[in-house]
Amino acid sequence: MKKSFLVIAFVLISGLVLAACQPTPPLETPPVDNDYVYGHEAFIESVEIIVGNDGQVQAVVSGNLPDGCTKLHEITVEQEAQEFVLSIVTRREQDVVCTMALVPFEETVDLDVEDLEPGTYTVIAQDQEATFSIEEDREIRVRISQEDFILGRRATVESMDIFIMESFPVQVSVSLVGYFPDACPEIHEIVVNREDQTFVIEIFTREPAGDVMCAQVITPFEENVDLDVVDLPAGEYTVQVNDLSETFTLEVDNTLEE
C-alpha cells in the first residue's frame, strides 16, 4: 500500500513539473524552426532611458525569464506616433524539462530618434514605461517619474573654474566641484540659462523615493558644463551657480564670418 502511494505521488509531482514547464501560447507568426517554440514569456520589471554624448538614445530593458530553458530571441521596436513599443520575443526548446527558477536579464536597445520632431516620447515594454523629450535645439532630456525618485537641488558647489578655449569661435566651459550631503543624491540634470550678460547654472538632483537607507557620508562630485557663447559680442560675462559667481571676458565678437 505504501509503495503504491509513493508511485502515485511521484506520477502526480512529475505531471505538475512537466505542466509548469510547458510554454505559453506561441506567437501567431513564429519563425520557421521545429526545434523551438517562440512566445512572449519575459517578465519586464523596468525600462530606463540612456542618452549618449552623441545624442543616441537607448532603452535598457530589465526583467526575468520564467525558467532555465527560455532565452531571449529578439527585441523589436515599433514607433507609433509619440510611442516606441518594445516587443520582447523569447524562444524555448521543445519537449524539455527545465529548472523552475527565474533568470534575470538586461538588454540595451537602440532607438531611432534622428528624424523625430521636438516633443515628448514614451517607451513602452509590457506595463513598464519611460519617457524622454526632444527640445527645439535637439537636446534630449530624460523625464524621471516622481513616483520612483525625489527631485531636488541637494548639491553644494564649493568651487567653479572657467576655461576659455583658444579656438574660433571661442568655446567656454565651466568646471564645478562640490558634494552631496549623503550617498543617496546624484545629479539628474544641469540646466544653463542666459539672462543678458549672465549665465545661470542650476543643478538638479534625484534620489530614490521611499524608505531608503543612505550612508551618511559626504559624496564629492565634479562636472564640466559647456556654455553656448557662439554669436555673443565682445564683453564681460558672469557665471552664477548657487551662491558662487565668476566672470570671463570675450575679447572679440564671437561670431562666425559669413
Protein backbone atom coordinates (compact mmCIF):
# COMPACT_ATOMS: atom_id res chain seq x y z
CA MET A 1 0.00 0.00 0.00
CA LYS A 2 2.77 2.41 0.95
CA LYS A 3 4.63 1.61 -2.27
CA SER A 4 1.51 2.30 -4.37
CA PHE A 5 1.06 5.68 -2.62
CA LEU A 6 4.70 6.64 -3.43
CA VAL A 7 4.22 5.70 -7.10
CA ILE A 8 1.04 7.77 -7.37
CA ALA A 9 2.71 10.74 -5.64
CA PHE A 10 5.70 10.54 -8.00
CA VAL A 11 3.41 10.49 -11.05
CA LEU A 12 1.46 13.49 -9.77
CA ILE A 13 4.60 15.53 -8.99
CA SER A 14 6.14 14.64 -12.36
CA GLY A 15 2.97 15.73 -14.09
CA LEU A 16 2.97 19.06 -12.26
CA VAL A 17 6.61 19.73 -13.16
CA LEU A 18 6.05 18.94 -16.81
CA ALA A 19 2.91 21.06 -16.89
CA ALA A 20 4.75 24.01 -15.31
CA CYS A 21 7.44 23.71 -17.93
CA GLN A 22 5.03 23.93 -20.82
CA PRO A 23 5.46 27.19 -22.77
CA THR A 24 2.85 29.93 -23.04
CA PRO A 25 0.96 30.17 -26.35
CA PRO A 26 3.39 30.76 -29.22
CA LEU A 27 3.49 33.78 -31.49
CA GLU A 28 0.81 34.00 -34.15
CA THR A 29 3.50 34.09 -36.86
CA PRO A 30 6.55 32.39 -35.31
CA PRO A 31 9.85 31.90 -37.16
CA VAL A 32 10.10 28.65 -39.07
CA ASP A 33 12.02 26.47 -36.64
CA ASN A 34 10.97 23.00 -35.50
CA ASP A 35 13.37 22.97 -32.54
CA TYR A 36 11.96 25.97 -30.67
CA VAL A 37 8.66 27.47 -29.56
CA TYR A 38 8.55 31.27 -29.73
CA GLY A 39 6.47 33.49 -27.49
CA HIS A 40 6.36 36.48 -25.11
CA GLU A 41 7.37 34.84 -21.83
CA ALA A 42 9.67 37.53 -20.41
CA PHE A 43 8.54 39.48 -17.33
CA ILE A 44 9.63 43.13 -17.69
CA GLU A 45 10.47 44.91 -14.43
CA SER A 46 11.88 48.23 -15.64
CA VAL A 47 12.73 50.38 -18.64
CA GLU A 48 15.41 53.06 -18.39
CA ILE A 49 16.43 55.65 -20.97
CA ILE A 50 20.10 56.43 -21.58
CA VAL A 51 21.25 59.35 -23.73
CA GLY A 52 24.79 59.17 -25.14
CA ASN A 53 27.10 62.11 -25.75
CA ASP A 54 26.36 61.85 -29.47
CA GLY A 55 22.61 62.13 -28.90
CA GLN A 56 21.99 58.41 -29.33
CA VAL A 57 19.03 57.23 -27.24
CA GLN A 58 18.91 53.72 -25.85
CA ALA A 59 16.34 51.83 -23.80
CA VAL A 60 17.69 49.48 -21.13
CA VAL A 61 15.15 46.70 -20.51
CA SER A 62 15.44 44.62 -17.34
CA GLY A 63 13.37 41.66 -16.22
CA ASN A 64 13.22 37.92 -15.74
CA LEU A 65 12.75 34.83 -17.87
CA PRO A 66 10.41 32.20 -16.39
CA ASP A 67 12.81 29.25 -16.33
CA GLY A 68 16.21 27.96 -17.32
CA CYS A 69 15.13 26.89 -20.80
CA THR A 70 13.63 30.15 -22.03
CA LYS A 71 16.02 32.52 -23.82
CA LEU A 72 15.70 35.97 -25.33
CA HIS A 73 15.30 35.69 -29.09
CA GLU A 74 14.97 39.33 -30.12
CA ILE A 75 13.56 42.70 -29.13
CA THR A 76 11.71 44.57 -31.85
CA VAL A 77 10.84 48.26 -31.82
CA GLU A 78 7.79 49.82 -33.44
CA GLN A 79 7.22 53.57 -33.36
CA GLU A 80 3.60 54.66 -33.28
CA ALA A 81 3.24 58.46 -33.16
CA GLN A 82 4.84 59.52 -29.84
CA GLU A 83 5.40 55.96 -28.60
CA PHE A 84 8.12 53.37 -29.02
CA VAL A 85 6.64 49.93 -28.34
CA LEU A 86 9.15 47.21 -27.48
CA SER A 87 8.17 43.62 -28.18
CA ILE A 88 10.31 41.09 -26.31
CA VAL A 89 10.29 37.74 -28.10
CA THR A 90 11.53 34.60 -26.34
CA ARG A 91 12.33 31.11 -27.54
CA ARG A 92 12.30 27.77 -25.77
CA GLU A 93 13.35 24.30 -26.82
CA GLN A 94 10.51 21.94 -27.39
CA ASP A 95 9.77 18.99 -25.06
CA VAL A 96 12.37 19.69 -22.38
CA VAL A 97 12.21 19.71 -18.59
CA CYS A 98 13.57 22.97 -17.11
CA THR A 99 14.79 24.31 -13.81
CA MET A 100 11.87 26.31 -12.45
CA ALA A 101 13.74 29.43 -11.32
CA LEU A 102 13.54 32.97 -12.67
CA VAL A 103 16.53 34.00 -14.77
CA PRO A 104 17.27 37.76 -14.74
CA PHE A 105 18.27 39.61 -17.91
CA GLU A 106 19.15 43.11 -19.08
CA GLU A 107 19.21 44.21 -22.71
CA THR A 108 20.02 47.54 -24.40
CA VAL A 109 18.00 48.61 -27.43
CA ASP A 110 18.87 51.49 -29.79
CA LEU A 111 16.06 53.92 -30.60
CA ASP A 112 15.98 55.78 -33.91
CA VAL A 113 15.45 59.44 -32.95
CA GLU A 114 17.36 61.15 -35.76
CA ASP A 115 14.32 62.46 -37.67
CA LEU A 116 11.93 62.96 -34.76
CA GLU A 117 10.18 66.28 -34.21
CA PRO A 118 10.57 68.09 -30.85
CA GLY A 119 8.20 66.69 -28.24
CA THR A 120 7.79 64.08 -25.53
CA TYR A 121 8.11 60.38 -26.38
CA THR A 122 7.24 57.28 -24.36
CA VAL A 123 8.98 53.91 -24.46
CA ILE A 124 6.66 51.02 -23.57
CA ALA A 125 7.58 47.44 -22.70
CA GLN A 126 4.62 45.46 -21.37
CA ASP A 127 3.38 47.56 -18.41
CA GLN A 128 6.63 49.47 -17.91
CA GLU A 129 7.16 52.94 -19.36
CA ALA A 130 9.86 55.60 -19.56
CA THR A 131 9.77 58.99 -21.26
CA PHE A 132 12.21 61.40 -22.84
CA SER A 133 11.81 64.73 -24.59
CA ILE A 134 13.48 66.31 -27.59
CA GLU A 135 13.83 70.07 -27.24
CA GLU A 136 13.73 72.62 -30.03
CA ASP A 137 17.54 72.77 -30.00
CA ARG A 138 17.61 68.94 -30.44
CA GLU A 139 18.78 68.47 -26.87
CA ILE A 140 17.39 65.24 -25.44
CA ARG A 141 16.26 65.11 -21.85
CA VAL A 142 15.05 62.12 -19.87
CA ARG A 143 11.95 62.54 -17.76
CA ILE A 144 12.10 60.70 -14.42
CA SER A 145 8.89 59.61 -12.75
CA GLN A 146 8.19 61.37 -9.44
CA GLU A 147 6.97 58.02 -8.11
CA ASP A 148 10.45 56.49 -8.38
CA PHE A 149 12.66 59.43 -7.43
CA ILE A 150 12.64 62.62 -5.41
CA LEU A 151 13.87 65.53 -7.49
CA GLY A 152 15.58 68.44 -5.76
CA ARG A 153 18.68 70.60 -5.53
CA ARG A 154 20.70 68.91 -2.83
CA ALA A 155 24.10 69.74 -4.23
CA THR A 156 26.64 72.09 -2.70
CA VAL A 157 29.12 73.70 -5.10
CA GLU A 158 32.44 74.55 -3.47
CA SER A 159 34.39 75.92 -6.42
CA MET A 160 33.95 76.99 -10.02
CA ASP A 161 36.64 77.43 -12.70
CA ILE A 162 36.04 78.92 -16.14
CA PHE A 163 38.11 77.76 -19.11
CA ILE A 164 38.29 79.64 -22.42
CA MET A 165 39.48 77.53 -25.34
CA GLU A 166 41.90 79.01 -27.85
CA SER A 167 39.70 78.49 -30.86
CA PHE A 168 37.34 80.42 -33.06
CA PRO A 169 34.57 80.66 -32.40
CA VAL A 170 35.66 80.71 -28.76
CA GLN A 171 34.45 77.85 -26.57
CA VAL A 172 33.87 78.31 -22.85
CA SER A 173 33.41 75.56 -20.26
CA VAL A 174 32.83 75.65 -16.52
CA SER A 175 34.26 73.12 -14.07
CA LEU A 176 32.11 72.62 -10.97
CA VAL A 177 33.39 70.87 -7.84
CA GLY A 178 31.11 70.13 -4.91
CA TYR A 179 29.45 67.47 -2.80
CA PHE A 180 26.17 65.84 -1.81
CA PRO A 181 25.21 65.68 1.89
CA ASP A 182 24.91 61.87 1.82
CA ALA A 183 25.29 58.89 -0.51
CA CYS A 184 21.76 58.90 -1.99
CA PRO A 185 21.56 62.02 -4.20
CA GLU A 186 23.03 62.07 -7.71
CA ILE A 187 22.99 64.65 -10.48
CA HIS A 188 19.84 64.36 -12.57
CA GLU A 189 20.16 67.40 -14.82
CA ILE A 190 22.22 70.58 -15.19
CA VAL A 191 20.36 73.47 -16.79
CA VAL A 192 22.04 76.61 -18.14
CA ASN A 193 20.08 79.79 -18.88
CA ARG A 194 21.46 83.12 -20.03
CA GLU A 195 19.96 86.44 -18.98
CA ASP A 196 21.71 89.25 -20.86
CA GLN A 197 25.36 89.08 -19.71
CA THR A 198 24.78 86.43 -17.02
CA PHE A 199 24.79 82.62 -17.30
CA VAL A 200 22.81 80.93 -14.52
CA ILE A 201 23.62 77.26 -13.87
CA GLU A 202 21.15 75.13 -11.91
CA ILE A 203 22.00 71.65 -10.66
CA PHE A 204 19.03 69.34 -10.14
CA THR A 205 19.49 66.13 -8.14
CA ARG A 206 17.48 62.95 -7.76
CA GLU A 207 17.39 60.26 -5.10
CA PRO A 208 15.29 57.12 -4.59
CA ALA A 209 11.86 57.69 -3.08
CA GLY A 210 10.56 55.67 -0.17
CA ASP A 211 12.29 54.26 2.87
CA VAL A 212 15.84 54.08 1.54
CA MET A 213 18.78 53.92 3.94
CA CYS A 214 21.56 56.30 2.85
CA ALA A 215 25.16 56.20 4.03
CA GLN A 216 25.72 59.42 5.96
CA VAL A 217 28.91 60.38 4.19
CA ILE A 218 29.69 63.46 2.12
CA THR A 219 29.88 62.41 -1.53
CA PRO A 220 32.02 64.59 -3.83
CA PHE A 221 31.30 65.30 -7.49
CA GLU A 222 32.92 67.16 -10.39
CA GLU A 223 31.08 68.22 -13.53
CA ASN A 224 32.05 70.14 -16.68
CA VAL A 225 29.42 72.37 -18.29
CA ASP A 226 29.74 73.93 -21.75
CA LEU A 227 28.37 77.45 -22.24
CA ASP A 228 26.74 78.49 -25.51
CA VAL A 229 28.78 81.59 -26.37
CA VAL A 230 28.53 81.44 -30.17
CA ASP A 231 27.34 84.73 -31.70
CA LEU A 232 27.89 86.68 -28.48
CA PRO A 233 29.50 90.12 -28.74
CA ALA A 234 32.77 91.00 -27.03
CA GLY A 235 32.42 91.91 -23.36
CA GLU A 236 32.42 90.68 -19.80
CA TYR A 237 30.06 87.87 -18.76
CA THR A 238 29.10 86.42 -15.38
CA VAL A 239 28.50 82.81 -14.42
CA GLN A 240 26.37 82.08 -11.34
CA VAL A 241 25.74 78.77 -9.62
CA ASN A 242 24.19 78.64 -6.17
CA ASP A 243 25.96 81.41 -4.23
CA LEU A 244 29.12 81.40 -6.37
CA SER A 245 29.83 83.92 -9.09
CA GLU A 246 32.73 84.23 -11.55
CA THR A 247 33.35 86.34 -14.66
CA PHE A 248 35.05 85.84 -18.01
CA THR A 249 35.73 88.14 -20.95
CA LEU A 250 35.28 87.69 -24.67
CA GLU A 251 37.97 89.84 -26.20
CA VAL A 252 36.33 89.97 -29.66
CA ASP A 253 32.91 89.29 -31.12
CA ASN A 254 32.41 85.54 -31.11
CA THR A 255 30.54 85.48 -34.42
CA LEU A 256 31.36 83.33 -37.39
CA GLU A 257 32.04 85.34 -40.52
CA GLU A 258 29.61 84.63 -43.32
